[in-house]
Amino acid sequence: MDLSAVAASPGPGLVHLLVEIPAGSRNKYEYNASAGVMALDRVLHSSVRYPFDYGFVPGTLNDDGAPLDALVIMQEPTFAGCLIVARPIGILDMVDCGCHDGKLLCIPQADQRQAGITDLRQIASSQLEEVAEFFRTYKNLEGRATTISGWMGPEAVPALLDRCIRAASAAGSPAR
C-alpha cells in the first residue's frame, strides 16, 4: 500500500483518513511505510477499547513526529487499511508522553445520515467524554502519561492541518 499519491486533503473542509484500528479493538495496528502493510504494534495493556475507528491523515507530520491522528465516527467499524474521506469537526487537544498530540474528530463524507454534523458540539457529551477517557487511560498500565487539555471546535482544525501538512512537506516525510 503506497500512500505517496494520497493527498492529506482531497478538498476544502475534508481530509483523507487511513484507518489503522477499527472501533472496539484493543489491538494497536500501525501502518509500516517501508513494508507497505499494516502491522501489529502492540496489544493495549488496559481494558479499554478504541471508541471509534482510528488512524491518521497521510502527508502530515504532527509535533510528536508522527502523522496527524484522527478518529472517525462510524456506525459500524471498518478495517485496518480503509481510506475514508472525512470532515473534521473538532480536535481533542492532548499531550502524550510530553509531546503535543492533537487528534482530529471526523465524520465520514460517505455517510449521508451524518451530513448535517459540522461541529463537535452536535455530538453527545457522553461520547466526547468516552473518547477523552480512552486517551486519558489507554497507556496508564504501560507507565506512559497522557494529559487531556480539552476539545476544540472545527474553527481550530485548519491551522492544525495546515501546520502538519507544511511540517511533512518540509521534512520530506512519508506517512508513518
N, C-alpha and C. Protein backbone atom coordinates (compact mmCIF):
# COMPACT_ATOMS: atom_id res chain seq x y z
N MET A 1 0.85 -1.16 0.00
CA MET A 1 0.00 0.00 0.00
C MET A 1 0.91 1.24 0.00
N ASP A 2 0.93 1.91 -1.13
CA ASP A 2 1.75 3.12 -1.29
C ASP A 2 0.86 4.34 -1.07
N LEU A 3 1.17 5.15 -0.08
CA LEU A 3 0.35 6.33 0.23
C LEU A 3 0.90 7.61 -0.37
N SER A 4 1.96 7.53 -1.15
CA SER A 4 2.60 8.74 -1.66
C SER A 4 1.68 9.57 -2.54
N ALA A 5 0.70 8.96 -3.19
CA ALA A 5 -0.21 9.70 -4.06
C ALA A 5 -1.48 10.17 -3.33
N VAL A 6 -1.59 9.87 -2.04
CA VAL A 6 -2.78 10.24 -1.27
C VAL A 6 -2.55 11.61 -0.63
N ALA A 7 -3.28 12.60 -1.09
CA ALA A 7 -3.18 13.96 -0.53
C ALA A 7 -3.81 13.99 0.86
N ALA A 8 -3.27 14.81 1.73
CA ALA A 8 -3.84 14.97 3.06
C ALA A 8 -5.29 15.42 2.98
N SER A 9 -5.56 16.34 2.06
CA SER A 9 -6.90 16.89 1.91
C SER A 9 -7.36 16.78 0.46
N PRO A 10 -8.45 16.03 0.23
CA PRO A 10 -8.97 15.92 -1.13
C PRO A 10 -9.80 17.11 -1.58
N GLY A 11 -10.09 18.03 -0.67
CA GLY A 11 -10.88 19.21 -0.99
C GLY A 11 -11.11 20.04 0.26
N PRO A 12 -11.66 21.24 0.09
CA PRO A 12 -11.90 22.13 1.23
C PRO A 12 -12.75 21.46 2.32
N GLY A 13 -12.27 21.55 3.56
CA GLY A 13 -13.00 21.01 4.69
C GLY A 13 -12.97 19.50 4.82
N LEU A 14 -12.12 18.83 4.03
CA LEU A 14 -12.05 17.37 4.05
C LEU A 14 -10.62 16.89 4.26
N VAL A 15 -10.50 15.68 4.81
CA VAL A 15 -9.20 15.02 4.92
C VAL A 15 -9.34 13.58 4.43
N HIS A 16 -8.21 13.03 4.01
CA HIS A 16 -8.13 11.58 3.83
C HIS A 16 -7.70 11.01 5.17
N LEU A 17 -8.36 9.97 5.61
CA LEU A 17 -8.06 9.32 6.87
C LEU A 17 -7.82 7.85 6.58
N LEU A 18 -6.65 7.35 6.92
CA LEU A 18 -6.35 5.93 6.75
C LEU A 18 -6.58 5.24 8.10
N VAL A 19 -7.54 4.33 8.13
CA VAL A 19 -7.87 3.62 9.36
C VAL A 19 -6.75 2.62 9.68
N GLU A 20 -6.26 2.70 10.89
CA GLU A 20 -5.30 1.71 11.39
C GLU A 20 -6.00 0.75 12.34
N ILE A 21 -6.92 1.28 13.16
CA ILE A 21 -7.53 0.48 14.22
C ILE A 21 -9.05 0.63 14.16
N PRO A 22 -9.78 -0.47 13.92
CA PRO A 22 -11.24 -0.38 13.93
C PRO A 22 -11.78 -0.16 15.34
N ALA A 23 -12.92 0.48 15.43
CA ALA A 23 -13.59 0.69 16.72
C ALA A 23 -13.77 -0.64 17.42
N GLY A 24 -13.60 -0.62 18.75
CA GLY A 24 -13.81 -1.81 19.56
C GLY A 24 -12.58 -2.69 19.73
N SER A 25 -11.48 -2.34 19.10
CA SER A 25 -10.27 -3.17 19.16
C SER A 25 -9.37 -2.78 20.32
N ARG A 26 -8.63 -3.75 20.84
CA ARG A 26 -7.55 -3.49 21.79
C ARG A 26 -6.21 -3.67 21.10
N ASN A 27 -6.24 -4.16 19.86
CA ASN A 27 -5.01 -4.30 19.08
C ASN A 27 -4.62 -2.96 18.50
N LYS A 28 -3.36 -2.59 18.66
CA LYS A 28 -2.84 -1.32 18.14
C LYS A 28 -2.05 -1.63 16.88
N TYR A 29 -2.69 -1.36 15.72
CA TYR A 29 -2.02 -1.55 14.44
C TYR A 29 -1.43 -0.22 14.00
N GLU A 30 -0.32 -0.28 13.27
CA GLU A 30 0.26 0.91 12.67
C GLU A 30 0.66 0.59 11.25
N TYR A 31 0.53 1.60 10.40
CA TYR A 31 0.96 1.45 9.02
C TYR A 31 2.48 1.43 8.99
N ASN A 32 3.06 0.40 8.35
CA ASN A 32 4.50 0.28 8.19
C ASN A 32 4.82 0.71 6.77
N ALA A 33 5.32 1.95 6.61
CA ALA A 33 5.55 2.52 5.28
C ALA A 33 6.59 1.75 4.48
N SER A 34 7.63 1.26 5.13
CA SER A 34 8.68 0.57 4.38
C SER A 34 8.20 -0.76 3.81
N ALA A 35 7.29 -1.43 4.52
CA ALA A 35 6.75 -2.70 4.02
C ALA A 35 5.44 -2.49 3.25
N GLY A 36 4.81 -1.33 3.44
CA GLY A 36 3.54 -1.04 2.75
C GLY A 36 2.36 -1.83 3.27
N VAL A 37 2.41 -2.21 4.56
CA VAL A 37 1.33 -3.00 5.16
C VAL A 37 1.00 -2.49 6.56
N MET A 38 -0.12 -2.95 7.07
CA MET A 38 -0.47 -2.69 8.46
C MET A 38 0.23 -3.75 9.31
N ALA A 39 0.78 -3.32 10.45
CA ALA A 39 1.49 -4.24 11.34
C ALA A 39 0.95 -4.09 12.76
N LEU A 40 0.93 -5.18 13.49
CA LEU A 40 0.52 -5.14 14.89
C LEU A 40 1.66 -4.51 15.69
N ASP A 41 1.38 -3.36 16.32
CA ASP A 41 2.37 -2.66 17.13
C ASP A 41 2.39 -3.22 18.55
N ARG A 42 1.19 -3.37 19.13
CA ARG A 42 1.07 -3.90 20.47
C ARG A 42 -0.40 -4.16 20.77
N VAL A 43 -0.64 -4.84 21.88
CA VAL A 43 -2.00 -5.01 22.40
C VAL A 43 -2.09 -4.13 23.62
N LEU A 44 -3.14 -3.32 23.70
CA LEU A 44 -3.28 -2.40 24.84
C LEU A 44 -3.28 -3.18 26.15
N HIS A 45 -2.53 -2.68 27.13
CA HIS A 45 -2.46 -3.33 28.44
C HIS A 45 -3.72 -3.09 29.25
N SER A 46 -4.35 -1.94 29.03
CA SER A 46 -5.55 -1.61 29.81
C SER A 46 -6.77 -2.29 29.20
N SER A 47 -7.88 -2.24 29.91
CA SER A 47 -9.09 -2.92 29.46
C SER A 47 -9.93 -2.08 28.51
N VAL A 48 -9.47 -0.87 28.17
CA VAL A 48 -10.25 -0.02 27.27
C VAL A 48 -10.07 -0.45 25.82
N ARG A 49 -11.03 -0.04 24.98
CA ARG A 49 -11.01 -0.34 23.55
C ARG A 49 -11.20 0.95 22.78
N TYR A 50 -10.68 0.99 21.56
CA TYR A 50 -10.82 2.21 20.75
C TYR A 50 -12.29 2.52 20.54
N PRO A 51 -12.73 3.75 20.88
CA PRO A 51 -14.15 4.09 20.82
C PRO A 51 -14.67 4.30 19.40
N PHE A 52 -13.83 4.74 18.48
CA PHE A 52 -14.19 4.94 17.07
C PHE A 52 -13.05 4.43 16.22
N ASP A 53 -13.28 4.28 14.91
CA ASP A 53 -12.18 3.94 14.02
C ASP A 53 -11.11 5.01 14.17
N TYR A 54 -9.85 4.58 14.19
CA TYR A 54 -8.73 5.46 14.50
C TYR A 54 -7.63 5.26 13.47
N GLY A 55 -7.04 6.36 13.05
CA GLY A 55 -5.94 6.27 12.09
C GLY A 55 -5.22 7.59 11.98
N PHE A 56 -4.81 7.91 10.76
CA PHE A 56 -4.03 9.13 10.56
C PHE A 56 -4.32 9.74 9.19
N VAL A 57 -3.90 10.99 9.05
CA VAL A 57 -4.03 11.73 7.81
C VAL A 57 -2.70 11.61 7.06
N PRO A 58 -2.66 10.90 5.94
CA PRO A 58 -1.40 10.77 5.18
C PRO A 58 -0.89 12.14 4.74
N GLY A 59 0.42 12.26 4.62
CA GLY A 59 1.02 13.51 4.16
C GLY A 59 1.05 14.60 5.20
N THR A 60 0.99 14.20 6.49
CA THR A 60 1.04 15.17 7.58
C THR A 60 2.11 14.73 8.59
N LEU A 61 2.55 15.66 9.39
CA LEU A 61 3.51 15.37 10.46
C LEU A 61 3.17 16.26 11.64
N ASN A 62 2.81 15.65 12.76
CA ASN A 62 2.43 16.39 13.96
C ASN A 62 3.65 16.61 14.86
N ASP A 63 3.47 17.34 15.94
CA ASP A 63 4.56 17.67 16.85
C ASP A 63 5.23 16.44 17.46
N ASP A 64 4.50 15.31 17.53
CA ASP A 64 5.06 14.10 18.13
C ASP A 64 5.93 13.31 17.15
N GLY A 65 6.12 13.83 15.93
CA GLY A 65 6.95 13.16 14.94
C GLY A 65 6.23 12.11 14.12
N ALA A 66 4.93 11.99 14.30
CA ALA A 66 4.10 11.03 13.57
C ALA A 66 3.03 11.80 12.80
N PRO A 67 2.39 11.15 11.83
CA PRO A 67 1.29 11.83 11.13
C PRO A 67 0.18 12.25 12.09
N LEU A 68 -0.61 13.21 11.66
CA LEU A 68 -1.74 13.71 12.44
C LEU A 68 -2.77 12.60 12.65
N ASP A 69 -3.06 12.29 13.91
CA ASP A 69 -4.02 11.25 14.27
C ASP A 69 -5.44 11.75 14.07
N ALA A 70 -6.34 10.79 13.79
CA ALA A 70 -7.74 11.15 13.58
C ALA A 70 -8.64 9.98 13.95
N LEU A 71 -9.82 10.32 14.45
CA LEU A 71 -10.87 9.35 14.72
C LEU A 71 -12.04 9.69 13.81
N VAL A 72 -12.78 8.67 13.39
CA VAL A 72 -13.94 8.91 12.56
C VAL A 72 -15.14 8.18 13.17
N ILE A 73 -16.23 8.91 13.32
CA ILE A 73 -17.45 8.37 13.93
C ILE A 73 -18.19 7.56 12.89
N MET A 74 -18.16 6.25 13.07
CA MET A 74 -18.81 5.33 12.14
C MET A 74 -19.89 4.55 12.88
N GLN A 75 -20.94 4.16 12.18
CA GLN A 75 -21.97 3.32 12.78
C GLN A 75 -21.48 1.88 12.92
N GLU A 76 -20.63 1.45 12.00
CA GLU A 76 -20.03 0.12 12.02
C GLU A 76 -18.52 0.28 11.84
N PRO A 77 -17.71 -0.53 12.53
CA PRO A 77 -16.26 -0.44 12.33
C PRO A 77 -15.90 -0.80 10.88
N THR A 78 -14.83 -0.19 10.37
CA THR A 78 -14.35 -0.55 9.04
C THR A 78 -13.23 -1.57 9.23
N PHE A 79 -12.07 -1.34 8.65
CA PHE A 79 -10.97 -2.29 8.76
C PHE A 79 -9.65 -1.55 8.62
N ALA A 80 -8.59 -2.15 9.12
CA ALA A 80 -7.26 -1.56 9.00
C ALA A 80 -6.90 -1.46 7.52
N GLY A 81 -6.54 -0.25 7.10
CA GLY A 81 -6.19 -0.01 5.71
C GLY A 81 -7.28 0.67 4.91
N CYS A 82 -8.45 0.88 5.51
CA CYS A 82 -9.56 1.54 4.81
C CYS A 82 -9.28 3.04 4.71
N LEU A 83 -9.39 3.58 3.49
CA LEU A 83 -9.20 5.01 3.28
C LEU A 83 -10.57 5.68 3.26
N ILE A 84 -10.74 6.69 4.11
CA ILE A 84 -12.03 7.38 4.26
C ILE A 84 -11.84 8.86 3.98
N VAL A 85 -12.71 9.42 3.16
CA VAL A 85 -12.79 10.87 3.02
C VAL A 85 -13.67 11.35 4.17
N ALA A 86 -13.11 12.23 5.00
CA ALA A 86 -13.80 12.62 6.23
C ALA A 86 -13.78 14.12 6.42
N ARG A 87 -14.77 14.58 7.20
CA ARG A 87 -14.92 16.00 7.51
C ARG A 87 -14.58 16.22 8.99
N PRO A 88 -13.45 16.87 9.28
CA PRO A 88 -13.10 17.13 10.68
C PRO A 88 -14.10 18.10 11.33
N ILE A 89 -14.53 17.75 12.55
CA ILE A 89 -15.49 18.60 13.26
C ILE A 89 -14.93 19.12 14.58
N GLY A 90 -13.69 18.75 14.89
CA GLY A 90 -13.08 19.23 16.12
C GLY A 90 -11.76 18.52 16.37
N ILE A 91 -11.15 18.90 17.49
CA ILE A 91 -9.84 18.35 17.87
C ILE A 91 -9.86 18.03 19.36
N LEU A 92 -9.36 16.83 19.70
CA LEU A 92 -9.08 16.52 21.10
C LEU A 92 -7.65 16.99 21.34
N ASP A 93 -7.50 18.04 22.13
CA ASP A 93 -6.20 18.62 22.42
C ASP A 93 -5.58 17.86 23.57
N MET A 94 -4.42 17.25 23.32
CA MET A 94 -3.80 16.45 24.36
C MET A 94 -2.28 16.43 24.24
N VAL A 95 -1.65 16.00 25.31
CA VAL A 95 -0.20 15.80 25.36
C VAL A 95 0.02 14.33 25.67
N ASP A 96 0.84 13.68 24.86
CA ASP A 96 1.13 12.26 25.01
C ASP A 96 2.63 12.09 25.20
N CYS A 97 3.03 11.60 26.36
CA CYS A 97 4.45 11.39 26.69
C CYS A 97 5.28 12.66 26.47
N GLY A 98 4.72 13.81 26.84
CA GLY A 98 5.44 15.08 26.76
C GLY A 98 5.35 15.81 25.45
N CYS A 99 4.71 15.23 24.42
CA CYS A 99 4.58 15.88 23.11
C CYS A 99 3.13 16.22 22.83
N HIS A 100 2.91 17.40 22.24
CA HIS A 100 1.56 17.76 21.82
C HIS A 100 1.11 16.77 20.76
N ASP A 101 -0.10 16.24 20.90
CA ASP A 101 -0.58 15.19 20.00
C ASP A 101 -2.09 15.32 19.80
N GLY A 102 -2.52 16.44 19.20
CA GLY A 102 -3.94 16.65 18.94
C GLY A 102 -4.49 15.60 18.00
N LYS A 103 -5.76 15.25 18.19
CA LYS A 103 -6.42 14.23 17.38
C LYS A 103 -7.69 14.80 16.77
N LEU A 104 -7.80 14.70 15.45
CA LEU A 104 -9.00 15.16 14.77
C LEU A 104 -10.17 14.23 15.08
N LEU A 105 -11.35 14.80 15.25
CA LEU A 105 -12.58 14.02 15.32
C LEU A 105 -13.32 14.31 14.03
N CYS A 106 -13.68 13.25 13.31
CA CYS A 106 -14.22 13.41 11.96
C CYS A 106 -15.53 12.66 11.75
N ILE A 107 -16.22 13.07 10.71
CA ILE A 107 -17.44 12.44 10.22
C ILE A 107 -17.14 11.93 8.81
N PRO A 108 -17.54 10.70 8.47
CA PRO A 108 -17.29 10.22 7.12
C PRO A 108 -18.15 10.95 6.09
N GLN A 109 -17.54 11.43 5.05
CA GLN A 109 -18.26 12.14 4.00
C GLN A 109 -19.29 11.23 3.33
N ALA A 110 -19.03 9.93 3.27
CA ALA A 110 -19.90 8.98 2.57
C ALA A 110 -21.16 8.62 3.35
N ASP A 111 -21.29 9.04 4.61
CA ASP A 111 -22.47 8.70 5.41
C ASP A 111 -23.45 9.87 5.41
N GLN A 112 -24.43 9.79 4.56
CA GLN A 112 -25.41 10.87 4.43
C GLN A 112 -26.25 11.06 5.69
N ARG A 113 -26.35 10.04 6.54
CA ARG A 113 -27.09 10.18 7.80
C ARG A 113 -26.41 11.18 8.73
N GLN A 114 -25.12 11.42 8.51
CA GLN A 114 -24.38 12.34 9.36
C GLN A 114 -24.00 13.63 8.61
N ALA A 115 -24.63 13.85 7.46
CA ALA A 115 -24.29 15.00 6.62
C ALA A 115 -24.50 16.34 7.34
N GLY A 116 -25.42 16.41 8.26
CA GLY A 116 -25.71 17.66 8.95
C GLY A 116 -24.78 17.95 10.12
N ILE A 117 -23.89 17.02 10.45
CA ILE A 117 -22.99 17.22 11.57
C ILE A 117 -21.76 17.98 11.09
N THR A 118 -21.58 19.19 11.62
CA THR A 118 -20.48 20.05 11.20
C THR A 118 -19.63 20.54 12.37
N ASP A 119 -20.02 20.19 13.60
CA ASP A 119 -19.37 20.72 14.79
C ASP A 119 -19.42 19.67 15.89
N LEU A 120 -18.35 19.52 16.64
CA LEU A 120 -18.34 18.51 17.70
C LEU A 120 -19.39 18.78 18.75
N ARG A 121 -19.90 20.00 18.83
CA ARG A 121 -20.95 20.31 19.81
C ARG A 121 -22.26 19.59 19.47
N GLN A 122 -22.34 19.00 18.27
CA GLN A 122 -23.51 18.22 17.88
C GLN A 122 -23.39 16.76 18.30
N ILE A 123 -22.27 16.40 18.87
CA ILE A 123 -22.03 15.04 19.35
C ILE A 123 -22.36 15.00 20.84
N ALA A 124 -22.99 13.93 21.28
CA ALA A 124 -23.36 13.80 22.69
C ALA A 124 -22.12 13.98 23.58
N SER A 125 -22.29 14.76 24.64
CA SER A 125 -21.16 15.00 25.55
C SER A 125 -20.64 13.69 26.14
N SER A 126 -21.52 12.70 26.33
CA SER A 126 -21.08 11.40 26.86
C SER A 126 -20.15 10.69 25.87
N GLN A 127 -20.40 10.85 24.57
CA GLN A 127 -19.50 10.25 23.57
C GLN A 127 -18.15 10.95 23.57
N LEU A 128 -18.16 12.27 23.67
CA LEU A 128 -16.90 13.02 23.71
C LEU A 128 -16.11 12.65 24.96
N GLU A 129 -16.79 12.49 26.08
CA GLU A 129 -16.10 12.11 27.31
C GLU A 129 -15.54 10.69 27.21
N GLU A 130 -16.26 9.81 26.52
CA GLU A 130 -15.76 8.44 26.32
C GLU A 130 -14.44 8.46 25.55
N VAL A 131 -14.37 9.30 24.52
CA VAL A 131 -13.13 9.43 23.74
C VAL A 131 -12.02 9.99 24.62
N ALA A 132 -12.30 11.07 25.34
CA ALA A 132 -11.30 11.68 26.21
C ALA A 132 -10.83 10.68 27.27
N GLU A 133 -11.75 9.94 27.86
CA GLU A 133 -11.38 8.97 28.89
C GLU A 133 -10.51 7.85 28.32
N PHE A 134 -10.81 7.42 27.10
CA PHE A 134 -9.96 6.41 26.46
C PHE A 134 -8.52 6.91 26.39
N PHE A 135 -8.33 8.11 25.87
CA PHE A 135 -6.97 8.63 25.70
C PHE A 135 -6.32 9.02 27.04
N ARG A 136 -7.14 9.28 28.05
CA ARG A 136 -6.62 9.56 29.39
C ARG A 136 -6.01 8.29 30.00
N THR A 137 -6.61 7.13 29.70
CA THR A 137 -6.24 5.90 30.42
C THR A 137 -5.53 4.83 29.58
N TYR A 138 -5.53 4.92 28.27
CA TYR A 138 -5.09 3.78 27.46
C TYR A 138 -3.63 3.40 27.61
N LYS A 139 -2.79 4.29 28.11
CA LYS A 139 -1.37 3.97 28.29
C LYS A 139 -0.97 3.88 29.77
N ASN A 140 -1.92 4.00 30.68
CA ASN A 140 -1.60 4.00 32.11
C ASN A 140 -0.79 2.78 32.54
N LEU A 141 -1.23 1.59 32.15
CA LEU A 141 -0.55 0.38 32.59
C LEU A 141 0.80 0.17 31.91
N GLU A 142 1.09 0.98 30.88
CA GLU A 142 2.40 0.93 30.23
C GLU A 142 3.35 1.93 30.88
N GLY A 143 2.85 2.70 31.85
CA GLY A 143 3.68 3.69 32.53
C GLY A 143 3.93 4.93 31.70
N ARG A 144 3.06 5.20 30.74
CA ARG A 144 3.21 6.37 29.87
C ARG A 144 2.06 7.34 30.16
N ALA A 145 2.39 8.60 30.32
CA ALA A 145 1.41 9.60 30.75
C ALA A 145 0.80 10.36 29.58
N THR A 146 -0.50 10.60 29.68
CA THR A 146 -1.20 11.47 28.73
C THR A 146 -1.99 12.51 29.53
N THR A 147 -2.12 13.69 28.95
CA THR A 147 -2.89 14.76 29.57
C THR A 147 -3.87 15.30 28.55
N ILE A 148 -5.13 15.36 28.93
CA ILE A 148 -6.16 15.89 28.04
C ILE A 148 -6.38 17.35 28.40
N SER A 149 -6.22 18.23 27.39
CA SER A 149 -6.43 19.66 27.60
C SER A 149 -7.87 20.05 27.33
N GLY A 150 -8.58 19.26 26.53
CA GLY A 150 -9.97 19.54 26.23
C GLY A 150 -10.25 19.45 24.73
N TRP A 151 -11.46 19.80 24.38
CA TRP A 151 -11.91 19.76 22.99
C TRP A 151 -11.86 21.15 22.38
N MET A 152 -11.50 21.22 21.12
CA MET A 152 -11.53 22.47 20.35
C MET A 152 -12.46 22.25 19.16
N GLY A 153 -13.19 23.28 18.80
CA GLY A 153 -14.18 23.19 17.73
C GLY A 153 -13.57 23.16 16.33
N PRO A 154 -14.43 23.11 15.33
CA PRO A 154 -13.97 22.99 13.94
C PRO A 154 -13.15 24.19 13.47
N GLU A 155 -13.30 25.33 14.12
CA GLU A 155 -12.53 26.52 13.73
C GLU A 155 -11.03 26.33 13.98
N ALA A 156 -10.65 25.39 14.86
CA ALA A 156 -9.23 25.13 15.16
C ALA A 156 -8.59 24.15 14.18
N VAL A 157 -9.39 23.45 13.39
CA VAL A 157 -8.88 22.40 12.51
C VAL A 157 -7.95 22.93 11.42
N PRO A 158 -8.32 23.97 10.65
CA PRO A 158 -7.46 24.39 9.54
C PRO A 158 -6.03 24.72 9.94
N ALA A 159 -5.84 25.39 11.07
CA ALA A 159 -4.48 25.75 11.50
C ALA A 159 -3.65 24.50 11.81
N LEU A 160 -4.24 23.55 12.53
CA LEU A 160 -3.52 22.32 12.86
C LEU A 160 -3.20 21.52 11.60
N LEU A 161 -4.19 21.37 10.73
CA LEU A 161 -3.99 20.61 9.49
C LEU A 161 -2.93 21.26 8.62
N ASP A 162 -3.02 22.56 8.42
CA ASP A 162 -2.03 23.27 7.60
C ASP A 162 -0.62 23.12 8.19
N ARG A 163 -0.49 23.28 9.51
CA ARG A 163 0.82 23.14 10.15
C ARG A 163 1.39 21.74 9.93
N CYS A 164 0.56 20.72 10.05
CA CYS A 164 1.02 19.33 9.90
C CYS A 164 1.36 19.00 8.44
N ILE A 165 0.64 19.57 7.49
CA ILE A 165 0.97 19.37 6.06
C ILE A 165 2.29 20.05 5.75
N ARG A 166 2.47 21.28 6.22
CA ARG A 166 3.74 22.00 5.99
C ARG A 166 4.92 21.27 6.62
N ALA A 167 4.73 20.73 7.83
CA ALA A 167 5.82 20.02 8.51
C ALA A 167 6.21 18.76 7.74
N ALA A 168 5.24 18.04 7.21
CA ALA A 168 5.55 16.84 6.42
C ALA A 168 6.27 17.20 5.15
N SER A 169 5.83 18.27 4.51
CA SER A 169 6.46 18.72 3.28
C SER A 169 7.91 19.14 3.53
N ALA A 170 8.13 19.88 4.60
CA ALA A 170 9.47 20.35 4.93
C ALA A 170 10.40 19.20 5.28
N ALA A 171 9.84 18.15 5.91
CA ALA A 171 10.65 17.02 6.32
C ALA A 171 10.82 15.99 5.20
N GLY A 172 10.02 16.14 4.13
CA GLY A 172 10.03 15.12 3.08
C GLY A 172 9.61 13.78 3.65
N SER A 173 8.71 13.85 4.63
CA SER A 173 8.35 12.70 5.44
C SER A 173 7.27 11.83 4.80
N PRO A 174 7.51 10.52 4.69
CA PRO A 174 6.44 9.62 4.26
C PRO A 174 5.48 9.38 5.42
N ALA A 175 4.27 8.93 5.10
CA ALA A 175 3.30 8.63 6.16
C ALA A 175 3.81 7.50 7.03
N ARG A 176 3.76 7.70 8.32
CA ARG A 176 4.18 6.76 9.36
C ARG A 176 5.49 6.12 9.05
